[in-house]
Amino acid sequence: MATKRKSAAQKALKEAAELAPLVQADQNGTDAKTSEKAAQKAAEYLLKTMGSQTGEKIVVDGITIPTQAELLNMPESDYMNEAQQAFFKHLLKEREAQLRSNAGETAEHLRENSIVPDPADRATIEEEHALELRTRDRERKLLKKVQEALRRLENGEYGWCEETGDPIGIPRLLARPTATLSLEAQQRRELRQKLYGN
């Protein structure tokens, strides 16, 4: 029984480690390529949880969502077609639901009032709460980006660079579904920030 609990805890820690970069990528000032790799792992985890484990096809608004492999194999002329838009809409909705769920869990966790007489234990609990609140604050900012991406999807602007108007590209959107810039535009922006500051 202890072994099962230990493996379940290890699995939960691994999943949390895979999701953490997606939340932290925009906040840590990492460059575009590093953030892309970290976010790609989180996106792959999210894709696994969207029904692909059972082999079931997911249908959104009457459109069958393609798999990640099918998405990557589509010709460039099909960029941001209905199936791709449905895929990203579902991905973003799943992420939004997950972020809202995390916020609810934090609220419940912070409401628990356990009186701990030992000052060291109290300090540990307060530090855990502070860490949890910082994480939720980053997730709150990410939630805004997810909601903005959903609005762009509804307006037909999703998947297009807001600076150049060029396609952002499916691989980049899989790595960072909230991306608003193509990789080249993001790199130019980061270079300007390094040279001239914010």
N, C-alpha and C. Protein backbone atom coordinates (compact mmCIF):
# COMPACT_ATOMS: atom_id res chain seq x y z
N MET A 1 0.83 -1.20 0.00
CA MET A 1 0.00 0.00 0.00
C MET A 1 0.87 1.26 0.00
N ALA A 2 1.93 1.26 0.80
CA ALA A 2 2.83 2.42 0.87
C ALA A 2 3.52 2.63 -0.47
N THR A 3 3.85 1.52 -1.16
CA THR A 3 4.50 1.63 -2.47
C THR A 3 3.58 2.29 -3.48
N LYS A 4 2.28 1.94 -3.45
CA LYS A 4 1.31 2.54 -4.36
C LYS A 4 1.20 4.04 -4.11
N ARG A 5 1.15 4.41 -2.82
CA ARG A 5 1.05 5.84 -2.50
C ARG A 5 2.30 6.58 -2.94
N LYS A 6 3.45 5.94 -2.76
CA LYS A 6 4.70 6.57 -3.14
C LYS A 6 4.75 6.77 -4.66
N SER A 7 4.34 5.76 -5.43
CA SER A 7 4.37 5.90 -6.89
C SER A 7 3.35 6.93 -7.36
N ALA A 8 2.19 7.00 -6.69
CA ALA A 8 1.19 8.01 -7.04
C ALA A 8 1.73 9.41 -6.75
N ALA A 9 2.43 9.55 -5.63
CA ALA A 9 3.01 10.85 -5.29
C ALA A 9 4.10 11.24 -6.29
N GLN A 10 4.93 10.26 -6.69
CA GLN A 10 5.97 10.53 -7.68
C GLN A 10 5.36 10.94 -9.01
N LYS A 11 4.28 10.28 -9.41
CA LYS A 11 3.59 10.62 -10.66
C LYS A 11 3.04 12.04 -10.59
N ALA A 12 2.43 12.39 -9.45
CA ALA A 12 1.88 13.74 -9.28
C ALA A 12 2.97 14.79 -9.34
N LEU A 13 4.11 14.50 -8.70
CA LEU A 13 5.24 15.43 -8.74
C LEU A 13 5.77 15.61 -10.15
N LYS A 14 5.85 14.49 -10.89
CA LYS A 14 6.33 14.56 -12.27
C LYS A 14 5.39 15.40 -13.13
N GLU A 15 4.07 15.19 -12.97
CA GLU A 15 3.09 15.95 -13.74
C GLU A 15 3.17 17.43 -13.39
N ALA A 16 3.34 17.73 -12.10
CA ALA A 16 3.46 19.14 -11.68
C ALA A 16 4.71 19.77 -12.27
N ALA A 17 5.81 19.00 -12.30
CA ALA A 17 7.05 19.51 -12.87
C ALA A 17 6.91 19.76 -14.36
N GLU A 18 6.12 18.93 -15.04
CA GLU A 18 5.91 19.13 -16.47
C GLU A 18 5.04 20.35 -16.75
N LEU A 19 4.08 20.64 -15.86
CA LEU A 19 3.18 21.77 -16.08
C LEU A 19 3.79 23.09 -15.63
N ALA A 20 4.67 23.05 -14.65
CA ALA A 20 5.22 24.29 -14.09
C ALA A 20 5.86 25.20 -15.12
N PRO A 21 6.65 24.69 -16.09
CA PRO A 21 7.27 25.60 -17.05
C PRO A 21 6.27 26.42 -17.85
N LEU A 22 5.11 25.86 -18.15
CA LEU A 22 4.12 26.60 -18.92
C LEU A 22 3.65 27.82 -18.13
N VAL A 23 3.49 27.65 -16.83
CA VAL A 23 3.05 28.75 -15.98
C VAL A 23 4.17 29.77 -15.81
N GLN A 24 5.43 29.29 -15.69
CA GLN A 24 6.54 30.16 -15.35
C GLN A 24 7.25 30.74 -16.56
N ALA A 25 7.05 30.18 -17.75
CA ALA A 25 7.85 30.57 -18.91
C ALA A 25 7.80 32.06 -19.18
N ASP A 26 6.62 32.66 -19.12
CA ASP A 26 6.50 34.08 -19.44
C ASP A 26 7.00 34.96 -18.29
N GLN A 27 7.08 34.43 -17.10
CA GLN A 27 7.39 35.26 -15.95
C GLN A 27 8.89 35.31 -15.62
N ASN A 28 9.67 34.33 -16.07
CA ASN A 28 11.05 34.21 -15.64
C ASN A 28 12.04 34.95 -16.53
N GLY A 29 11.58 35.54 -17.62
CA GLY A 29 12.48 36.25 -18.50
C GLY A 29 13.38 35.33 -19.30
N THR A 30 13.01 34.09 -19.47
CA THR A 30 13.83 33.17 -20.25
C THR A 30 13.67 33.50 -21.72
N ASP A 31 14.67 33.13 -22.52
CA ASP A 31 14.57 33.45 -23.94
C ASP A 31 13.55 32.55 -24.62
N ALA A 32 13.20 32.89 -25.85
CA ALA A 32 12.11 32.21 -26.56
C ALA A 32 12.38 30.73 -26.76
N LYS A 33 13.62 30.37 -27.15
CA LYS A 33 13.91 28.96 -27.43
C LYS A 33 13.82 28.11 -26.17
N THR A 34 14.35 28.60 -25.05
CA THR A 34 14.29 27.86 -23.79
C THR A 34 12.85 27.69 -23.34
N SER A 35 12.07 28.77 -23.40
CA SER A 35 10.67 28.69 -22.99
C SER A 35 9.89 27.76 -23.89
N GLU A 36 10.22 27.76 -25.20
CA GLU A 36 9.53 26.88 -26.14
C GLU A 36 9.69 25.42 -25.73
N LYS A 37 10.93 25.02 -25.39
CA LYS A 37 11.18 23.63 -25.02
C LYS A 37 10.43 23.26 -23.76
N ALA A 38 10.45 24.14 -22.77
CA ALA A 38 9.76 23.87 -21.51
C ALA A 38 8.25 23.81 -21.73
N ALA A 39 7.75 24.73 -22.52
CA ALA A 39 6.30 24.78 -22.76
C ALA A 39 5.85 23.60 -23.60
N GLN A 40 6.73 23.10 -24.49
CA GLN A 40 6.39 21.96 -25.33
C GLN A 40 6.06 20.74 -24.46
N LYS A 41 6.87 20.53 -23.41
CA LYS A 41 6.62 19.39 -22.52
C LYS A 41 5.25 19.52 -21.84
N ALA A 42 4.93 20.74 -21.40
CA ALA A 42 3.64 20.95 -20.74
C ALA A 42 2.50 20.75 -21.73
N ALA A 43 2.69 21.22 -22.97
CA ALA A 43 1.64 21.04 -23.98
C ALA A 43 1.42 19.57 -24.29
N GLU A 44 2.51 18.80 -24.36
CA GLU A 44 2.39 17.37 -24.63
C GLU A 44 1.61 16.69 -23.51
N TYR A 45 1.85 17.09 -22.28
CA TYR A 45 1.11 16.50 -21.15
C TYR A 45 -0.38 16.82 -21.29
N LEU A 46 -0.68 18.08 -21.61
CA LEU A 46 -2.08 18.47 -21.74
C LEU A 46 -2.76 17.70 -22.86
N LEU A 47 -2.05 17.50 -23.97
CA LEU A 47 -2.62 16.77 -25.09
C LEU A 47 -2.94 15.32 -24.71
N LYS A 48 -2.10 14.75 -23.87
CA LYS A 48 -2.34 13.37 -23.43
C LYS A 48 -3.63 13.27 -22.62
N THR A 49 -3.96 14.34 -21.90
CA THR A 49 -5.14 14.29 -21.03
C THR A 49 -6.43 14.62 -21.76
N MET A 50 -6.36 14.88 -23.06
CA MET A 50 -7.54 15.32 -23.79
C MET A 50 -8.30 14.18 -24.46
N GLY A 51 -8.12 12.96 -24.02
CA GLY A 51 -8.89 11.86 -24.59
C GLY A 51 -8.06 10.97 -25.49
N SER A 52 -6.83 11.40 -25.80
CA SER A 52 -6.02 10.60 -26.71
C SER A 52 -5.57 9.30 -26.04
N GLN A 53 -5.57 9.26 -24.71
CA GLN A 53 -5.17 8.04 -24.02
C GLN A 53 -6.16 6.90 -24.30
N THR A 54 -7.42 7.24 -24.42
CA THR A 54 -8.43 6.21 -24.64
C THR A 54 -8.64 5.93 -26.11
N GLY A 55 -8.04 6.75 -26.97
CA GLY A 55 -8.21 6.56 -28.41
C GLY A 55 -9.53 7.11 -28.93
N GLU A 56 -10.29 7.79 -28.07
CA GLU A 56 -11.57 8.34 -28.48
C GLU A 56 -11.34 9.61 -29.29
N LYS A 57 -12.15 9.81 -30.30
CA LYS A 57 -12.11 11.05 -31.06
C LYS A 57 -12.94 12.08 -30.31
N ILE A 58 -12.42 13.29 -30.24
CA ILE A 58 -13.12 14.37 -29.57
C ILE A 58 -13.78 15.23 -30.63
N VAL A 59 -15.05 15.57 -30.40
CA VAL A 59 -15.79 16.39 -31.35
C VAL A 59 -16.18 17.69 -30.65
N VAL A 60 -15.81 18.82 -31.26
CA VAL A 60 -16.14 20.13 -30.73
C VAL A 60 -16.91 20.89 -31.81
N ASP A 61 -18.10 21.35 -31.48
CA ASP A 61 -18.95 22.08 -32.43
C ASP A 61 -19.13 21.31 -33.73
N GLY A 62 -19.27 20.01 -33.64
CA GLY A 62 -19.49 19.17 -34.82
C GLY A 62 -18.24 18.90 -35.64
N ILE A 63 -17.07 19.31 -35.15
CA ILE A 63 -15.81 19.10 -35.87
C ILE A 63 -14.96 18.12 -35.07
N THR A 64 -14.51 17.06 -35.74
CA THR A 64 -13.63 16.08 -35.09
C THR A 64 -12.24 16.69 -34.95
N ILE A 65 -11.74 16.68 -33.72
CA ILE A 65 -10.44 17.28 -33.45
C ILE A 65 -9.33 16.33 -33.92
N PRO A 66 -8.40 16.84 -34.72
CA PRO A 66 -7.30 15.99 -35.17
C PRO A 66 -6.33 15.71 -34.03
N THR A 67 -5.54 14.65 -34.19
CA THR A 67 -4.48 14.38 -33.22
C THR A 67 -3.34 15.34 -33.49
N GLN A 68 -2.37 15.37 -32.58
CA GLN A 68 -1.22 16.25 -32.77
C GLN A 68 -0.46 15.87 -34.05
N ALA A 69 -0.32 14.57 -34.30
CA ALA A 69 0.39 14.12 -35.50
C ALA A 69 -0.36 14.55 -36.76
N GLU A 70 -1.69 14.40 -36.75
CA GLU A 70 -2.49 14.82 -37.90
C GLU A 70 -2.37 16.33 -38.12
N LEU A 71 -2.33 17.05 -37.02
CA LEU A 71 -2.21 18.50 -37.10
C LEU A 71 -0.89 18.91 -37.75
N LEU A 72 0.19 18.26 -37.33
CA LEU A 72 1.52 18.59 -37.88
C LEU A 72 1.67 18.16 -39.33
N ASN A 73 0.90 17.15 -39.76
CA ASN A 73 1.00 16.65 -41.14
C ASN A 73 0.11 17.40 -42.12
N MET A 74 -0.72 18.33 -41.63
CA MET A 74 -1.58 19.08 -42.53
C MET A 74 -0.73 20.03 -43.39
N PRO A 75 -1.12 20.22 -44.65
CA PRO A 75 -0.36 21.14 -45.50
C PRO A 75 -0.48 22.58 -45.02
N GLU A 76 0.52 23.39 -45.38
CA GLU A 76 0.52 24.80 -44.96
C GLU A 76 -0.69 25.55 -45.49
N SER A 77 -1.21 25.11 -46.61
CA SER A 77 -2.38 25.78 -47.20
C SER A 77 -3.63 25.62 -46.32
N ASP A 78 -3.61 24.62 -45.41
CA ASP A 78 -4.74 24.40 -44.49
C ASP A 78 -4.57 25.14 -43.17
N TYR A 79 -3.58 26.04 -43.09
CA TYR A 79 -3.28 26.72 -41.83
C TYR A 79 -4.52 27.41 -41.26
N MET A 80 -4.79 27.13 -40.01
CA MET A 80 -5.91 27.67 -39.23
C MET A 80 -7.26 27.36 -39.88
N ASN A 81 -7.38 26.14 -40.42
CA ASN A 81 -8.68 25.68 -40.92
C ASN A 81 -9.58 25.35 -39.72
N GLU A 82 -10.80 24.91 -39.97
CA GLU A 82 -11.75 24.66 -38.89
C GLU A 82 -11.26 23.60 -37.91
N ALA A 83 -10.64 22.55 -38.43
CA ALA A 83 -10.16 21.47 -37.55
C ALA A 83 -9.06 21.98 -36.64
N GLN A 84 -8.12 22.77 -37.17
CA GLN A 84 -7.05 23.32 -36.34
C GLN A 84 -7.61 24.29 -35.31
N GLN A 85 -8.54 25.11 -35.71
CA GLN A 85 -9.15 26.03 -34.75
C GLN A 85 -9.88 25.28 -33.65
N ALA A 86 -10.58 24.22 -34.02
CA ALA A 86 -11.29 23.40 -33.02
C ALA A 86 -10.29 22.76 -32.06
N PHE A 87 -9.15 22.28 -32.58
CA PHE A 87 -8.12 21.67 -31.76
C PHE A 87 -7.63 22.66 -30.71
N PHE A 88 -7.26 23.87 -31.15
CA PHE A 88 -6.72 24.86 -30.22
C PHE A 88 -7.79 25.41 -29.28
N LYS A 89 -9.02 25.49 -29.75
CA LYS A 89 -10.10 25.93 -28.87
C LYS A 89 -10.27 24.93 -27.73
N HIS A 90 -10.25 23.64 -28.09
CA HIS A 90 -10.39 22.61 -27.06
C HIS A 90 -9.19 22.63 -26.11
N LEU A 91 -8.00 22.77 -26.64
CA LEU A 91 -6.78 22.82 -25.82
C LEU A 91 -6.84 24.00 -24.85
N LEU A 92 -7.23 25.16 -25.35
CA LEU A 92 -7.29 26.36 -24.51
C LEU A 92 -8.40 26.24 -23.46
N LYS A 93 -9.55 25.67 -23.85
CA LYS A 93 -10.64 25.48 -22.88
C LYS A 93 -10.22 24.53 -21.76
N GLU A 94 -9.51 23.45 -22.13
CA GLU A 94 -9.02 22.51 -21.13
C GLU A 94 -8.06 23.21 -20.16
N ARG A 95 -7.17 24.02 -20.72
CA ARG A 95 -6.19 24.73 -19.89
C ARG A 95 -6.89 25.73 -18.98
N GLU A 96 -7.90 26.43 -19.51
CA GLU A 96 -8.66 27.39 -18.71
C GLU A 96 -9.34 26.68 -17.55
N ALA A 97 -9.96 25.54 -17.82
CA ALA A 97 -10.64 24.78 -16.77
C ALA A 97 -9.65 24.32 -15.71
N GLN A 98 -8.48 23.89 -16.16
CA GLN A 98 -7.46 23.42 -15.21
C GLN A 98 -6.99 24.56 -14.31
N LEU A 99 -6.75 25.73 -14.89
CA LEU A 99 -6.30 26.88 -14.10
C LEU A 99 -7.37 27.32 -13.11
N ARG A 100 -8.63 27.30 -13.53
CA ARG A 100 -9.72 27.66 -12.61
C ARG A 100 -9.84 26.65 -11.48
N SER A 101 -9.65 25.38 -11.81
CA SER A 101 -9.71 24.33 -10.79
C SER A 101 -8.59 24.52 -9.77
N ASN A 102 -7.38 24.84 -10.26
CA ASN A 102 -6.25 25.07 -9.36
C ASN A 102 -6.54 26.23 -8.41
N ALA A 103 -7.15 27.28 -8.94
CA ALA A 103 -7.48 28.44 -8.10
C ALA A 103 -8.48 28.06 -7.02
N GLY A 104 -9.47 27.24 -7.39
CA GLY A 104 -10.46 26.78 -6.41
C GLY A 104 -9.84 25.94 -5.32
N GLU A 105 -8.90 25.08 -5.71
CA GLU A 105 -8.23 24.24 -4.72
C GLU A 105 -7.42 25.10 -3.76
N THR A 106 -6.76 26.13 -4.28
CA THR A 106 -5.98 27.01 -3.42
C THR A 106 -6.87 27.73 -2.43
N ALA A 107 -8.02 28.22 -2.91
CA ALA A 107 -8.95 28.91 -2.01
C ALA A 107 -9.40 27.98 -0.88
N GLU A 108 -9.72 26.73 -1.23
CA GLU A 108 -10.13 25.76 -0.22
C GLU A 108 -8.98 25.49 0.76
N HIS A 109 -7.79 25.35 0.22
CA HIS A 109 -6.62 25.04 1.05
C HIS A 109 -6.34 26.17 2.03
N LEU A 110 -6.49 27.41 1.58
CA LEU A 110 -6.20 28.55 2.45
C LEU A 110 -7.29 28.76 3.50
N ARG A 111 -8.50 28.25 3.24
CA ARG A 111 -9.59 28.38 4.22
C ARG A 111 -9.41 27.43 5.40
N GLU A 112 -8.63 26.39 5.20
CA GLU A 112 -8.43 25.42 6.28
C GLU A 112 -7.67 26.11 7.41
N ASN A 113 -8.31 26.21 8.54
CA ASN A 113 -7.68 26.84 9.71
C ASN A 113 -7.26 25.78 10.70
N SER A 114 -6.00 25.41 10.62
CA SER A 114 -5.50 24.46 11.61
C SER A 114 -4.58 25.23 12.55
N ILE A 115 -4.86 25.14 13.81
CA ILE A 115 -4.06 25.83 14.81
C ILE A 115 -2.87 24.95 15.16
N VAL A 116 -1.70 25.49 14.88
CA VAL A 116 -0.47 24.75 15.13
C VAL A 116 0.31 25.50 16.20
N PRO A 117 0.52 24.86 17.35
CA PRO A 117 1.19 25.57 18.45
C PRO A 117 2.69 25.78 18.21
N ASP A 118 3.33 24.92 17.45
CA ASP A 118 4.77 25.01 17.25
C ASP A 118 5.08 26.13 16.25
N PRO A 119 5.90 27.11 16.63
CA PRO A 119 6.22 28.23 15.72
C PRO A 119 6.92 27.78 14.43
N ALA A 120 7.73 26.76 14.53
CA ALA A 120 8.42 26.26 13.33
C ALA A 120 7.43 25.67 12.34
N ASP A 121 6.47 24.91 12.84
CA ASP A 121 5.43 24.33 11.98
C ASP A 121 4.55 25.42 11.37
N ARG A 122 4.23 26.44 12.19
CA ARG A 122 3.44 27.55 11.69
C ARG A 122 4.17 28.28 10.57
N ALA A 123 5.46 28.50 10.76
CA ALA A 123 6.26 29.18 9.74
C ALA A 123 6.30 28.37 8.45
N THR A 124 6.42 27.05 8.58
CA THR A 124 6.42 26.18 7.40
C THR A 124 5.11 26.28 6.65
N ILE A 125 4.00 26.24 7.38
CA ILE A 125 2.68 26.33 6.76
C ILE A 125 2.51 27.68 6.06
N GLU A 126 2.94 28.76 6.72
CA GLU A 126 2.83 30.08 6.11
C GLU A 126 3.69 30.19 4.86
N GLU A 127 4.86 29.60 4.87
CA GLU A 127 5.73 29.62 3.69
C GLU A 127 5.10 28.83 2.53
N GLU A 128 4.49 27.69 2.86
CA GLU A 128 3.79 26.91 1.83
C GLU A 128 2.64 27.70 1.23
N HIS A 129 1.91 28.41 2.09
CA HIS A 129 0.80 29.24 1.60
C HIS A 129 1.32 30.35 0.70
N ALA A 130 2.43 30.98 1.10
CA ALA A 130 3.00 32.07 0.29
C ALA A 130 3.45 31.54 -1.08
N LEU A 131 4.07 30.37 -1.09
CA LEU A 131 4.51 29.77 -2.35
C LEU A 131 3.30 29.43 -3.23
N GLU A 132 2.27 28.89 -2.62
CA GLU A 132 1.07 28.54 -3.37
C GLU A 132 0.41 29.79 -3.96
N LEU A 133 0.40 30.87 -3.19
CA LEU A 133 -0.19 32.11 -3.68
C LEU A 133 0.62 32.70 -4.84
N ARG A 134 1.95 32.60 -4.77
CA ARG A 134 2.78 33.09 -5.88
C ARG A 134 2.52 32.28 -7.14
N THR A 135 2.39 30.96 -6.96
CA THR A 135 2.11 30.10 -8.11
C THR A 135 0.76 30.46 -8.71
N ARG A 136 -0.25 30.67 -7.87
CA ARG A 136 -1.57 31.02 -8.37
C ARG A 136 -1.57 32.38 -9.05
N ASP A 137 -0.73 33.29 -8.56
CA ASP A 137 -0.64 34.60 -9.21
C ASP A 137 -0.10 34.46 -10.63
N ARG A 138 0.91 33.61 -10.81
CA ARG A 138 1.43 33.35 -12.15
C ARG A 138 0.35 32.69 -13.01
N GLU A 139 -0.39 31.76 -12.41
CA GLU A 139 -1.45 31.09 -13.15
C GLU A 139 -2.58 32.05 -13.49
N ARG A 140 -2.84 33.02 -12.62
CA ARG A 140 -3.87 34.04 -12.90
C ARG A 140 -3.48 34.83 -14.14
N LYS A 141 -2.19 35.20 -14.24
CA LYS A 141 -1.72 35.92 -15.41
C LYS A 141 -1.82 35.04 -16.66
N LEU A 142 -1.50 33.76 -16.50
CA LEU A 142 -1.62 32.84 -17.63
C LEU A 142 -3.08 32.67 -18.04
N LEU A 143 -3.98 32.64 -17.06
CA LEU A 143 -5.41 32.52 -17.36
C LEU A 143 -5.88 33.68 -18.24
N LYS A 144 -5.40 34.89 -17.94
CA LYS A 144 -5.76 36.04 -18.77
C LYS A 144 -5.28 35.84 -20.21
N LYS A 145 -4.07 35.29 -20.36
CA LYS A 145 -3.54 35.04 -21.71
C LYS A 145 -4.36 33.98 -22.43
N VAL A 146 -4.78 32.95 -21.69
CA VAL A 146 -5.60 31.89 -22.29
C VAL A 146 -6.93 32.48 -22.74
N GLN A 147 -7.55 33.30 -21.90
CA GLN A 147 -8.83 33.92 -22.26
C GLN A 147 -8.67 34.86 -23.46
N GLU A 148 -7.55 35.58 -23.51
CA GLU A 148 -7.29 36.46 -24.66
C GLU A 148 -7.10 35.63 -25.93
N ALA A 149 -6.43 34.48 -25.82
CA ALA A 149 -6.25 33.59 -26.97
C ALA A 149 -7.60 33.07 -27.46
N LEU A 150 -8.49 32.75 -26.53
CA LEU A 150 -9.83 32.30 -26.93
C LEU A 150 -10.60 33.42 -27.64
N ARG A 151 -10.43 34.66 -27.18
CA ARG A 151 -11.07 35.80 -27.85
C ARG A 151 -10.51 35.97 -29.26
N ARG A 152 -9.18 35.83 -29.41
CA ARG A 152 -8.57 35.94 -30.74
C ARG A 152 -9.08 34.83 -31.65
N LEU A 153 -9.29 33.65 -31.08
CA LEU A 153 -9.82 32.53 -31.86
C LEU A 153 -11.21 32.87 -32.38
N GLU A 154 -12.05 33.43 -31.52
CA GLU A 154 -13.41 33.79 -31.92
C GLU A 154 -13.40 34.88 -33.00
N ASN A 155 -12.41 35.78 -32.93
CA ASN A 155 -12.33 36.89 -33.89
C ASN A 155 -11.59 36.51 -35.17
N GLY A 156 -11.06 35.28 -35.24
CA GLY A 156 -10.32 34.86 -36.43
C GLY A 156 -8.91 35.38 -36.49
N GLU A 157 -8.37 35.88 -35.37
CA GLU A 157 -7.01 36.42 -35.34
C GLU A 157 -6.01 35.44 -34.76
N TYR A 158 -6.47 34.34 -34.23
CA TYR A 158 -5.59 33.38 -33.56
C TYR A 158 -4.68 32.70 -34.58
N GLY A 159 -3.41 32.56 -34.19
CA GLY A 159 -2.45 31.87 -35.05
C GLY A 159 -1.68 32.79 -35.97
N TRP A 160 -1.98 34.10 -35.90
CA TRP A 160 -1.30 35.08 -36.76
C TRP A 160 -0.51 36.04 -35.89
N CYS A 161 0.72 36.33 -36.27
CA CYS A 161 1.60 37.22 -35.51
C CYS A 161 0.99 38.61 -35.45
N GLU A 162 0.91 39.16 -34.26
CA GLU A 162 0.31 40.49 -34.12
C GLU A 162 1.23 41.60 -34.60
N GLU A 163 2.52 41.33 -34.76
CA GLU A 163 3.45 42.34 -35.26
C GLU A 163 3.55 42.32 -36.78
N THR A 164 3.70 41.12 -37.35
CA THR A 164 3.97 41.01 -38.78
C THR A 164 2.78 40.52 -39.59
N GLY A 165 1.81 39.88 -38.95
CA GLY A 165 0.68 39.31 -39.66
C GLY A 165 0.99 37.96 -40.28
N ASP A 166 2.21 37.45 -40.10
CA ASP A 166 2.60 36.14 -40.62
C ASP A 166 2.04 35.02 -39.74
N PRO A 167 1.94 33.80 -40.28
CA PRO A 167 1.50 32.67 -39.45
C PRO A 167 2.50 32.41 -38.32
N ILE A 168 2.00 32.16 -37.13
CA ILE A 168 2.86 31.82 -35.99
C ILE A 168 3.41 30.41 -36.18
N GLY A 169 2.61 29.52 -36.73
CA GLY A 169 3.04 28.15 -36.98
C GLY A 169 2.49 27.17 -35.97
N ILE A 170 2.10 26.01 -36.46
CA ILE A 170 1.51 24.97 -35.60
C ILE A 170 2.49 24.50 -34.52
N PRO A 171 3.77 24.21 -34.85
CA PRO A 171 4.68 23.74 -33.79
C PRO A 171 4.79 24.74 -32.63
N ARG A 172 4.88 26.03 -32.95
CA ARG A 172 4.99 27.04 -31.89
C ARG A 172 3.70 27.12 -31.09
N LEU A 173 2.56 27.03 -31.76
CA LEU A 173 1.28 27.09 -31.04
C LEU A 173 1.07 25.86 -30.17
N LEU A 174 1.60 24.72 -30.60
CA LEU A 174 1.52 23.53 -29.75
C LEU A 174 2.38 23.72 -28.51
N ALA A 175 3.54 24.35 -28.68
CA ALA A 175 4.43 24.58 -27.55
C ALA A 175 3.89 25.66 -26.63
N ARG A 176 3.31 26.72 -27.23
CA ARG A 176 2.77 27.82 -26.44
C ARG A 176 1.47 28.28 -27.06
N PRO A 177 0.36 27.69 -26.64
CA PRO A 177 -0.93 28.01 -27.26
C PRO A 177 -1.35 29.47 -27.13
N THR A 178 -0.73 30.22 -26.21
CA THR A 178 -1.10 31.62 -26.02
C THR A 178 -0.19 32.57 -26.80
N ALA A 179 0.68 32.03 -27.64
CA ALA A 179 1.64 32.88 -28.38
C ALA A 179 0.91 33.88 -29.26
N THR A 180 1.43 35.11 -29.27
CA THR A 180 0.87 36.16 -30.13
C THR A 180 1.88 36.61 -31.18
N LEU A 181 3.12 36.13 -31.04
CA LEU A 181 4.19 36.51 -31.97
C LEU A 181 4.79 35.26 -32.59
N SER A 182 5.24 35.39 -33.83
CA SER A 182 6.01 34.30 -34.43
C SER A 182 7.34 34.20 -33.70
N LEU A 183 8.04 33.11 -33.87
CA LEU A 183 9.32 32.91 -33.18
C LEU A 183 10.31 34.00 -33.55
N GLU A 184 10.36 34.37 -34.83
CA GLU A 184 11.29 35.41 -35.28
C GLU A 184 10.95 36.75 -34.64
N ALA A 185 9.66 37.10 -34.61
CA ALA A 185 9.24 38.36 -34.00
C ALA A 185 9.54 38.36 -32.50
N GLN A 186 9.35 37.22 -31.84
CA GLN A 186 9.64 37.11 -30.41
C GLN A 186 11.13 37.29 -30.16
N GLN A 187 11.96 36.69 -31.00
CA GLN A 187 13.41 36.84 -30.85
C GLN A 187 13.83 38.28 -31.07
N ARG A 188 13.24 38.96 -32.06
CA ARG A 188 13.56 40.38 -32.29
C ARG A 188 13.16 41.22 -31.08
N ARG A 189 11.99 40.93 -30.51
CA ARG A 189 11.54 41.68 -29.33
C ARG A 189 12.49 41.47 -28.16
N GLU A 190 12.93 40.22 -27.94
CA GLU A 190 13.85 39.93 -26.84
C GLU A 190 15.18 40.62 -27.05
N LEU A 191 15.65 40.67 -28.31
CA LEU A 191 16.91 41.34 -28.61
C LEU A 191 16.79 42.84 -28.32
N ARG A 192 15.66 43.45 -28.72
CA ARG A 192 15.45 44.87 -28.43
C ARG A 192 15.42 45.11 -26.92
N GLN A 193 14.78 44.20 -26.18
CA GLN A 193 14.73 44.37 -24.72
C GLN A 193 16.11 44.27 -24.10
N LYS A 194 16.96 43.36 -24.63
CA LYS A 194 18.32 43.25 -24.09
C LYS A 194 19.13 44.49 -24.40
N LEU A 195 18.94 45.03 -25.62
CA LEU A 195 19.73 46.19 -26.03
C LEU A 195 19.25 47.49 -25.37
N TYR A 196 17.93 47.67 -25.31
CA TYR A 196 17.38 48.94 -24.87
C TYR A 196 16.61 48.87 -23.57
N GLY A 197 16.45 47.70 -23.02
CA GLY A 197 15.66 47.54 -21.79
C GLY A 197 14.18 47.57 -22.11
N ASN A 198 13.32 47.56 -21.09
CA ASN A 198 11.87 47.56 -21.30
C ASN A 198 11.44 48.91 -21.77
